[in-house]
C-alpha atoms as a PDB file:
ATOM      1  CA  UNK A   1      93.727 -19.089  21.544  1.00  0.00           C
ATOM      2  CA  UNK A   2      95.287 -15.667  18.997  1.00  0.00           C
ATOM      3  CA  UNK A   3      97.967 -14.309  19.814  1.00  0.00           C
ATOM      4  CA  UNK A   4      99.500 -10.866  19.209  1.00  0.00           C
ATOM      5  CA  UNK A   5     103.521 -11.601  19.443  1.00  0.00           C
ATOM      6  CA  UNK A   6     105.007  -8.026  19.037  1.00  0.00           C
ATOM      7  CA  UNK A   7     108.523  -7.924  18.106  1.00  0.00           C
ATOM      8  CA  UNK A   8     110.789  -4.996  18.725  1.00  0.00           C
ATOM      9  CA  UNK A   9     114.185  -5.440  17.333  1.00  0.00           C
ATOM     10  CA  UNK A  10     115.759  -3.572  14.303  1.00  0.00           C
ATOM     11  CA  UNK A  11     118.207  -6.707  12.766  1.00  0.00           C
ATOM     12  CA  UNK A  12     116.668  -9.423  10.690  1.00  0.00           C
ATOM     13  CA  UNK A  13     118.750 -11.853  11.429  1.00  0.00           C
ATOM     14  CA  UNK A  14     119.228 -11.431  15.500  1.00  0.00           C
ATOM     15  CA  UNK A  15     118.844 -13.776  18.176  1.00  0.00           C
ATOM     16  CA  UNK A  16     115.617 -11.652  19.039  1.00  0.00           C
ATOM     17  CA  UNK A  17     114.629 -12.975  15.234  1.00  0.00           C
ATOM     18  CA  UNK A  18     115.505 -16.449  16.519  1.00  0.00           C
ATOM     19  CA  UNK A  19     113.403 -15.804  19.712  1.00  0.00           C
ATOM     20  CA  UNK A  20     110.588 -14.592  18.105  1.00  0.00           C
ATOM     21  CA  UNK A  21     110.870 -17.822  15.933  1.00  0.00           C
ATOM     22  CA  UNK A  22     110.563 -19.776  18.736  1.00  0.00           C
ATOM     23  CA  UNK A  23     107.623 -17.975  20.103  1.00  0.00           C
ATOM     24  CA  UNK A  24     105.946 -18.305  17.093  1.00  0.00           C
ATOM     25  CA  UNK A  25     106.170 -22.387  16.657  1.00  0.00           C
ATOM     26  CA  UNK A  26     105.803 -22.975  20.204  1.00  0.00           C
ATOM     27  CA  UNK A  27     102.198 -21.390  19.974  1.00  0.00           C
ATOM     28  CA  UNK A  28     101.506 -22.553  16.765  1.00  0.00           C
ATOM     29  CA  UNK A  29     102.553 -26.405  18.107  1.00  0.00           C
ATOM     30  CA  UNK A  30     100.045 -25.607  21.068  1.00  0.00           C
ATOM     31  CA  UNK A  31      97.211 -24.861  18.341  1.00  0.00           C
ATOM     32  CA  UNK A  32      97.328 -21.047  18.758  1.00  0.00           C
ATOM     33  CA  UNK A  33      96.346 -18.663  15.808  1.00  0.00           C
ATOM     34  CA  UNK A  34      99.050 -15.930  15.740  1.00  0.00           C
ATOM     35  CA  UNK A  35      99.431 -12.517  14.861  1.00  0.00           C
ATOM     36  CA  UNK A  36     103.125 -11.371  14.562  1.00  0.00           C
ATOM     37  CA  UNK A  37     103.452  -7.465  14.622  1.00  0.00           C
ATOM     38  CA  UNK A  38     107.019  -6.771  13.657  1.00  0.00           C
ATOM     39  CA  UNK A  39     107.093  -2.920  14.897  1.00  0.00           C
ATOM     40  CA  UNK A  40     110.209  -2.556  12.525  1.00  0.00           C
ATOM     41  CA  UNK A  41     109.504  -4.214   9.697  1.00  0.00           C
ATOM     42  CA  UNK A  42     106.003  -2.563   9.569  1.00  0.00           C
ATOM     43  CA  UNK A  43     107.399   0.847   9.880  1.00  0.00           C
ATOM     44  CA  UNK A  44     105.468   1.553  13.347  1.00  0.00           C
ATOM     45  CA  UNK A  45     106.177   5.508  14.563  1.00  0.00           C
ATOM     46  CA  UNK A  46     107.223   5.307  18.014  1.00  0.00           C
ATOM     47  CA  UNK A  47     107.763   8.972  18.462  1.00  0.00           C
ATOM     48  CA  UNK A  48     104.847  10.493  20.795  1.00  0.00           C
ATOM     49  CA  UNK A  49     104.691  13.949  18.777  1.00  0.00           C
ATOM     50  CA  UNK A  50     103.457  17.409  20.125  1.00  0.00           C
ATOM     51  CA  UNK A  51      99.951  16.596  18.503  1.00  0.00           C
ATOM     52  CA  UNK A  52      99.769  12.600  19.612  1.00  0.00           C
ATOM     53  CA  UNK A  53      99.873  13.889  23.302  1.00  0.00           C
ATOM     54  CA  UNK A  54      97.203  16.406  22.884  1.00  0.00           C
ATOM     55  CA  UNK A  55      95.046  13.768  20.789  1.00  0.00           C
ATOM     56  CA  UNK A  56      95.767  11.304  23.853  1.00  0.00           C
ATOM     57  CA  UNK A  57      92.435  11.795  25.727  1.00  0.00           C
ATOM     58  CA  UNK A  58      90.492  12.472  22.982  1.00  0.00           C
ATOM     59  CA  UNK A  59      88.295   9.018  22.884  1.00  0.00           C
ATOM     60  CA  UNK A  60      88.031   7.438  20.196  1.00  0.00           C
ATOM     61  CA  UNK A  61      90.149   9.996  18.200  1.00  0.00           C
ATOM     62  CA  UNK A  62      93.041   8.501  19.985  1.00  0.00           C
ATOM     63  CA  UNK A  63      93.061   5.218  18.149  1.00  0.00           C
ATOM     64  CA  UNK A  64      94.760   6.714  15.325  1.00  0.00           C
ATOM     65  CA  UNK A  65      97.583   6.700  17.400  1.00  0.00           C
ATOM     66  CA  UNK A  66      97.654   3.016  17.644  1.00  0.00           C
ATOM     67  CA  UNK A  67      98.044   2.755  13.761  1.00  0.00           C
ATOM     68  CA  UNK A  68      95.758  -0.457  13.270  1.00  0.00           C
ATOM     69  CA  UNK A  69      97.109  -2.021  16.291  1.00  0.00           C
ATOM     70  CA  UNK A  70      94.115  -1.321  18.575  1.00  0.00           C
ATOM     71  CA  UNK A  71      91.518  -3.789  16.283  1.00  0.00           C
ATOM     72  CA  UNK A  72      94.809  -6.341  16.525  1.00  0.00           C
ATOM     73  CA  UNK A  73      94.981  -5.886  20.351  1.00  0.00           C
ATOM     74  CA  UNK A  74      91.392  -6.384  20.680  1.00  0.00           C
ATOM     75  CA  UNK A  75      91.058  -9.157  18.907  1.00  0.00           C
ATOM     76  CA  UNK A  76      93.792 -11.150  20.588  1.00  0.00           C
ATOM     77  CA  UNK A  77      93.389 -13.351  23.407  1.00  0.00           C
ATOM     78  CA  UNK A  78      97.583 -13.052  24.538  1.00  0.00           C
ATOM     79  CA  UNK A  79      99.935 -10.487  24.394  1.00  0.00           C
ATOM     80  CA  UNK A  80     103.184 -11.526  23.834  1.00  0.00           C
ATOM     81  CA  UNK A  81     106.106  -9.125  23.849  1.00  0.00           C
ATOM     82  CA  UNK A  82     109.680 -10.284  22.187  1.00  0.00           C
ATOM     83  CA  UNK A  83     112.418  -7.488  22.750  1.00  0.00           C
ATOM     84  CA  UNK A  84     116.586  -7.115  23.839  1.00  0.00           C
ATOM     85  CA  UNK A  85     116.643  -5.310  27.394  1.00  0.00           C
ATOM     86  CA  UNK A  86     119.164  -2.088  26.471  1.00  0.00           C
ATOM     87  CA  UNK A  87     120.316  -0.156  29.015  1.00  0.00           C
ATOM     88  CA  UNK A  88     118.038  -1.811  31.519  1.00  0.00           C
ATOM     89  CA  UNK A  89     114.686  -1.292  29.827  1.00  0.00           C
ATOM     90  CA  UNK A  90     112.676  -2.374  26.590  1.00  0.00           C
ATOM     91  CA  UNK A  91     114.118  -0.957  23.697  1.00  0.00           C
ATOM     92  CA  UNK A  92     112.410   3.025  22.425  1.00  0.00           C
ATOM     93  CA  UNK A  93     110.342   1.132  19.780  1.00  0.00           C
ATOM     94  CA  UNK A  94     108.654  -1.004  22.340  1.00  0.00           C
ATOM     95  CA  UNK A  95     108.050   1.841  24.527  1.00  0.00           C
ATOM     96  CA  UNK A  96     106.558   3.571  22.331  1.00  0.00           C
ATOM     97  CA  UNK A  97     104.191   1.121  21.097  1.00  0.00           C
ATOM     98  CA  UNK A  98     102.840   0.983  24.472  1.00  0.00           C
ATOM     99  CA  UNK A  99     102.444   4.573  24.807  1.00  0.00           C
ATOM    100  CA  UNK A 100     100.362   4.924  21.911  1.00  0.00           C
ATOM    101  CA  UNK A 101      98.449   1.414  22.149  1.00  0.00           C
ATOM    102  CA  UNK A 102      97.821   1.236  25.892  1.00  0.00           C
ATOM    103  CA  UNK A 103      95.356   4.414  25.483  1.00  0.00           C
ATOM    104  CA  UNK A 104      92.689   5.163  27.467  1.00  0.00           C
ATOM    105  CA  UNK A 105      89.332   3.749  25.990  1.00  0.00           C
ATOM    106  CA  UNK A 106      91.297   1.068  24.505  1.00  0.00           C
ATOM    107  CA  UNK A 107      93.460  -0.181  27.352  1.00  0.00           C
ATOM    108  CA  UNK A 108      91.645   1.791  30.503  1.00  0.00           C
ATOM    109  CA  UNK A 109      88.975   4.454  31.438  1.00  0.00           C
ATOM    110  CA  UNK A 110      90.064   7.352  33.436  1.00  0.00           C
ATOM    111  CA  UNK A 111      87.924   8.608  36.018  1.00  0.00           C
ATOM    112  CA  UNK A 112      87.620   6.245  37.948  1.00  0.00           C
ATOM    113  CA  UNK A 113      90.124   4.068  36.655  1.00  0.00           C
ATOM    114  CA  UNK A 114      88.764   0.959  34.938  1.00  0.00           C
ATOM    115  CA  UNK A 115      91.468  -1.581  33.376  1.00  0.00           C
ATOM    116  CA  UNK A 116      89.697  -2.799  29.603  1.00  0.00           C
ATOM    117  CA  UNK A 117      92.225  -5.518  28.465  1.00  0.00           C
ATOM    118  CA  UNK A 118      90.133  -8.114  30.546  1.00  0.00           C
ATOM    119  CA  UNK A 119      89.795 -10.333  27.617  1.00  0.00           C
ATOM    120  CA  UNK A 120      93.462 -10.951  27.510  1.00  0.00           C
ATOM    121  CA  UNK A 121      94.573 -14.519  29.116  1.00  0.00           C
ATOM    122  CA  UNK A 122      97.858 -14.144  28.860  1.00  0.00           C
ATOM    123  CA  UNK A 123     100.742 -11.286  28.939  1.00  0.00           C
ATOM    124  CA  UNK A 124     104.467 -12.363  28.457  1.00  0.00           C
ATOM    125  CA  UNK A 125     107.619 -11.139  27.949  1.00  0.00           C
ATOM    126  CA  UNK A 126     110.344 -13.134  26.060  1.00  0.00           C
ATOM    127  CA  UNK A 127     113.532 -11.152  26.445  1.00  0.00           C
ATOM    128  CA  UNK A 128     117.368 -10.971  26.633  1.00  0.00           C
ATOM    129  CA  UNK A 129     120.045  -8.969  28.945  1.00  0.00           C
ATOM    130  CA  UNK A 130     123.208  -8.485  28.395  1.00  0.00           C
ATOM    131  CA  UNK A 131     124.209  -8.429  32.253  1.00  0.00           C
ATOM    132  CA  UNK A 132     123.536 -10.794  34.695  1.00  0.00           C
ATOM    133  CA  UNK A 133     120.171 -10.842  36.456  1.00  0.00           C
ATOM    134  CA  UNK A 134     121.248  -9.436  40.030  1.00  0.00           C
ATOM    135  CA  UNK A 135     123.083  -6.215  37.886  1.00  0.00           C
ATOM    136  CA  UNK A 136     119.657  -5.513  36.549  1.00  0.00           C
ATOM    137  CA  UNK A 137     117.495  -6.407  39.650  1.00  0.00           C
ATOM    138  CA  UNK A 138     119.570  -4.095  41.349  1.00  0.00           C
ATOM    139  CA  UNK A 139     118.851  -1.281  38.378  1.00  0.00           C
ATOM    140  CA  UNK A 140     115.096  -2.099  38.848  1.00  0.00           C
ATOM    141  CA  UNK A 141     115.010  -4.512  35.980  1.00  0.00           C
ATOM    142  CA  UNK A 142     112.662  -2.157  34.051  1.00  0.00           C
ATOM    143  CA  UNK A 143     112.202  -4.951  31.274  1.00  0.00           C
ATOM    144  CA  UNK A 144     110.224  -7.201  33.781  1.00  0.00           C
ATOM    145  CA  UNK A 145     108.474  -5.001  35.783  1.00  0.00           C
ATOM    146  CA  UNK A 146     106.573  -4.081  32.492  1.00  0.00           C
ATOM    147  CA  UNK A 147     105.954  -7.437  31.325  1.00  0.00           C
ATOM    148  CA  UNK A 148     104.852  -8.645  34.504  1.00  0.00           C
ATOM    149  CA  UNK A 149     102.937  -5.614  36.362  1.00  0.00           C
ATOM    150  CA  UNK A 150     102.456  -2.474  34.218  1.00  0.00           C
ATOM    151  CA  UNK A 151     101.202  -4.512  30.859  1.00  0.00           C
ATOM    152  CA  UNK A 152      98.720  -7.331  33.229  1.00  0.00           C
ATOM    153  CA  UNK A 153      97.587  -4.474  35.284  1.00  0.00           C
ATOM    154  CA  UNK A 154      95.571  -3.257  31.992  1.00  0.00           C
ATOM    155  CA  UNK A 155      93.956  -6.870  32.183  1.00  0.00           C
ATOM    156  CA  UNK A 156      92.923  -6.464  35.626  1.00  0.00           C
ATOM    157  CA  UNK A 157      95.522  -8.917  36.700  1.00  0.00           C
ATOM    158  CA  UNK A 158      93.422 -11.593  35.166  1.00  0.00           C
ATOM    159  CA  UNK A 159      95.640 -12.878  32.917  1.00  0.00           C
ATOM    160  CA  UNK A 160      98.753 -15.147  33.184  1.00  0.00           C
ATOM    161  CA  UNK A 161     102.279 -13.558  33.524  1.00  0.00           C
ATOM    162  CA  UNK A 162     105.113 -15.181  32.106  1.00  0.00           C
ATOM    163  CA  UNK A 163     108.493 -14.049  31.632  1.00  0.00           C
ATOM    164  CA  UNK A 164     111.112 -15.911  29.711  1.00  0.00           C
ATOM    165  CA  UNK A 165     115.043 -14.124  29.870  1.00  0.00           C
ATOM    166  CA  UNK A 166     118.529 -14.952  29.021  1.00  0.00           C
ATOM    167  CA  UNK A 167     121.108 -13.039  31.079  1.00  0.00           C
ATOM    168  CA  UNK A 168     124.399 -12.638  30.204  1.00  0.00           C
ATOM    169  CA  UNK A 169     123.522 -13.422  26.192  1.00  0.00           C
ATOM    170  CA  UNK A 170     126.866 -11.435  25.450  1.00  0.00           C
ATOM    171  CA  UNK A 171     128.840 -14.135  27.237  1.00  0.00           C
ATOM    172  CA  UNK A 172     126.468 -17.031  26.503  1.00  0.00           C
ATOM    173  CA  UNK A 173     127.475 -20.056  24.763  1.00  0.00           C
ATOM    174  CA  UNK A 174     125.921 -21.628  21.782  1.00  0.00           C
ATOM    175  CA  UNK A 175     124.430 -24.660  24.004  1.00  0.00           C
ATOM    176  CA  UNK A 176     123.066 -21.846  26.222  1.00  0.00           C
ATOM    177  CA  UNK A 177     121.095 -20.022  23.895  1.00  0.00           C
ATOM    178  CA  UNK A 178     119.652 -23.211  22.086  1.00  0.00           C
ATOM    179  CA  UNK A 179     118.264 -23.879  25.539  1.00  0.00           C
ATOM    180  CA  UNK A 180     116.663 -20.692  25.742  1.00  0.00           C
ATOM    181  CA  UNK A 181     115.000 -20.918  22.407  1.00  0.00           C
ATOM    182  CA  UNK A 182     114.131 -24.800  23.474  1.00  0.00           C
ATOM    183  CA  UNK A 183     112.936 -23.349  27.062  1.00  0.00           C
ATOM    184  CA  UNK A 184     110.794 -20.450  25.220  1.00  0.00           C
ATOM    185  CA  UNK A 185     109.144 -22.940  22.101  1.00  0.00           C
ATOM    186  CA  UNK A 186     108.110 -25.312  24.933  1.00  0.00           C
ATOM    187  CA  UNK A 187     107.013 -22.665  27.152  1.00  0.00           C
ATOM    188  CA  UNK A 188     104.763 -21.208  24.609  1.00  0.00           C
ATOM    189  CA  UNK A 189     103.226 -24.502  23.737  1.00  0.00           C
ATOM    190  CA  UNK A 190     102.136 -25.278  27.431  1.00  0.00           C
ATOM    191  CA  UNK A 191     100.516 -22.068  27.417  1.00  0.00           C
ATOM    192  CA  UNK A 192      98.596 -22.296  24.353  1.00  0.00           C
END
C-alpha cells in the first residue's frame, strides 16, 4: 500500500506531530510505503484567490492549484489526514488543501457527477479535540464528517473509512495520550 499522509499543524513539536509519527510508524510496520506531506513545512498556500477560483473548473489547467499534490494523490492507495480540530473543524490549512486538491477532473467529474478517486482503498482521519465527543456532536462534528463522509464520497464509497479521535486533549493525562498514540500506531499497522 502507498499512503499519502497529510499533516496540518504549524508547530513541529506538537502532539499532532507525535500523532503523525505514530501514523507513519504504524504504516511502516504494516509494510506500507509513506509519502508524508507536511502542509506547513512544504509551504502549501491554502488561500483560494480570485484567480484560483476562476481556474477551478478549467480542466486540466486547474491541476496547477494542487501545487504538485495531484500526482501524489493519484499515486496513493490510501489518504490519511492528521490534524487538530479547532473550533469544531479542521484547520484552514487542511480545508484549503481539500479545496485546491479535490478538483473537477481530479477528484470528480461534473455533469453528471462521478467520483474519480476510486483507486483509494482507505481514507482515514486522525485528530484531537479540545472538547468532549458530545459537545462536538452537538456542534455537528465537521472534522468527523469531512474524514468519513466528504472525502470518501470522492472514492465512490469504495474506500475503507477509519477515524481516530482523542477528545478532551486539553485535560488529558500523559497516560491517555500515550494510549491514543498506541491505538493509532496499531490501527495504522492493521490497515496497511
